Amino acid sequence: MFGGVLLLLAIRRLHQFRLRERYAVLFLMIGLPFLLLAWWPLGIQWISDQLRIDSRTFMLLAITGFLLLAVFELLTIVSVQDRKITTLAQEVAILMEQRTVQPGSAADPIRLES
């Protein structure tokens, strides 16, 4: 059920262009394992039997790995956006500095107040 909800949410947001394609794919990848387990509930038991691991231990390892992958993907997105914001702020500061340094330029009537 959780996987189906994530899948529908990602498709709906993508359709409304409120969610970028990259994030929609992320939601789809997050929802697919849950959707697969909803269709095949004994999958965890079968995989744990094949690996000769207790099913509770396998579920704990699987959830831990899944959450780590999701966190790393989200941290990557945040880090890229942080670099873009820093670059943009530096470029704006350089442009503002160039405007005030030009000799003989008229004073700007519109000033940004911080």
Protein backbone atom coordinates (compact mmCIF):
# COMPACT_ATOMS: atom_id res chain seq x y z
CA MET A 1 0.00 0.00 0.00
CA PHE A 2 2.84 2.39 0.92
CA GLY A 3 4.59 1.72 -2.41
CA GLY A 4 1.39 2.32 -4.36
CA VAL A 5 0.79 5.62 -2.57
CA LEU A 6 4.35 6.80 -3.30
CA LEU A 7 3.97 5.75 -6.93
CA LEU A 8 0.68 7.61 -7.35
CA LEU A 9 2.04 10.68 -5.55
CA ALA A 10 5.13 10.81 -7.79
CA ILE A 11 3.08 10.44 -10.97
CA ARG A 12 0.56 13.06 -9.85
CA ARG A 13 3.27 15.59 -8.91
CA LEU A 14 5.16 14.97 -12.12
CA HIS A 15 1.98 15.50 -14.11
CA GLN A 16 1.39 18.83 -12.38
CA PHE A 17 5.08 19.85 -12.93
CA ARG A 18 5.49 20.51 -9.24
CA LEU A 19 8.10 17.81 -8.99
CA ARG A 20 11.18 17.62 -11.15
CA GLU A 21 11.82 14.42 -13.06
CA ARG A 22 14.82 13.53 -10.91
CA TYR A 23 12.77 13.63 -7.73
CA ALA A 24 9.91 11.72 -9.34
CA VAL A 25 12.36 8.97 -10.29
CA LEU A 26 13.66 8.99 -6.70
CA PHE A 27 10.13 8.51 -5.35
CA LEU A 28 9.52 5.75 -7.87
CA MET A 29 12.71 3.95 -6.81
CA ILE A 30 11.74 4.32 -3.16
CA GLY A 31 8.24 2.98 -3.80
CA LEU A 32 9.11 0.03 -6.05
CA PRO A 33 10.50 -2.31 -3.36
CA PHE A 34 7.42 -1.73 -1.22
CA LEU A 35 5.15 -2.28 -4.20
CA LEU A 36 7.01 -5.49 -5.05
CA LEU A 37 6.63 -6.77 -1.49
CA ALA A 38 2.93 -5.89 -1.54
CA TRP A 39 2.52 -8.17 -4.58
CA TRP A 40 4.78 -10.90 -3.18
CA PRO A 41 4.56 -10.85 0.64
CA LEU A 42 6.59 -14.04 1.08
CA GLY A 43 9.51 -12.52 -0.82
CA ILE A 44 11.38 -11.55 2.33
CA GLN A 45 11.02 -15.07 3.71
CA TRP A 46 12.20 -16.60 0.41
CA ILE A 47 15.23 -14.29 0.15
CA SER A 48 16.19 -14.83 3.79
CA ASP A 49 15.92 -18.61 3.28
CA GLN A 50 18.17 -18.40 0.21
CA LEU A 51 20.74 -16.38 2.14
CA ARG A 52 20.33 -18.60 5.24
CA ILE A 53 19.61 -15.59 7.44
CA ASP A 54 16.78 -15.20 9.94
CA SER A 55 13.97 -13.22 8.30
CA ARG A 56 13.90 -10.62 11.09
CA THR A 57 17.63 -10.01 10.69
CA PHE A 58 17.26 -9.78 6.93
CA MET A 59 14.39 -7.27 7.26
CA LEU A 60 16.49 -5.16 9.62
CA LEU A 61 19.45 -5.22 7.23
CA ALA A 62 17.24 -4.47 4.22
CA ILE A 63 15.51 -1.53 5.91
CA THR A 64 18.83 -0.16 7.15
CA GLY A 65 20.36 -0.38 3.67
CA PHE A 66 17.29 1.15 2.09
CA LEU A 67 17.25 4.09 4.51
CA LEU A 68 20.99 4.67 4.05
CA LEU A 69 20.59 4.80 0.27
CA ALA A 70 17.65 7.20 0.56
CA VAL A 71 19.56 9.47 2.96
CA PHE A 72 22.66 9.51 0.73
CA GLU A 73 20.56 10.37 -2.32
CA LEU A 74 18.83 13.21 -0.49
CA LEU A 75 22.15 14.48 0.90
CA THR A 76 23.54 14.51 -2.64
CA ILE A 77 20.60 16.61 -3.81
CA VAL A 78 21.01 19.04 -0.89
CA SER A 79 24.75 19.33 -1.47
CA VAL A 80 24.33 20.12 -5.18
CA GLN A 81 21.71 22.75 -4.38
CA ASP A 82 23.96 24.25 -1.69
CA ARG A 83 26.81 24.60 -4.19
CA LYS A 84 24.48 26.27 -6.68
CA ILE A 85 23.19 28.72 -4.06
CA THR A 86 26.74 29.56 -2.93
CA THR A 87 27.86 30.17 -6.52
CA LEU A 88 24.83 32.35 -7.20
CA ALA A 89 25.40 34.38 -4.03
CA GLN A 90 29.07 34.92 -4.97
CA GLU A 91 28.14 36.03 -8.49
CA VAL A 92 25.56 38.49 -7.13
CA ALA A 93 28.14 39.88 -4.69
CA ILE A 94 30.66 40.32 -7.52
CA LEU A 95 28.09 42.11 -9.69
CA MET A 96 27.06 44.38 -6.82
CA GLU A 97 30.71 45.18 -6.12
CA GLN A 98 31.33 46.00 -9.79
CA ARG A 99 28.35 48.37 -9.81
CA THR A 100 29.60 50.34 -6.82
CA VAL A 101 33.26 50.48 -7.92
CA GLN A 102 32.71 52.00 -11.38
CA PRO A 103 34.10 55.57 -11.34
CA GLY A 104 31.69 58.32 -12.30
CA SER A 105 28.63 56.13 -12.05
CA ALA A 106 25.44 57.68 -10.72
CA ALA A 107 24.21 56.54 -7.34
CA ASP A 108 21.65 53.79 -7.60
CA PRO A 109 18.25 55.02 -6.38
CA ILE A 110 17.19 51.50 -5.49
CA ARG A 111 19.24 49.98 -2.70
CA LEU A 112 18.88 46.56 -1.21
CA GLU A 113 18.58 46.70 2.52
CA SER A 114 19.68 43.77 4.59
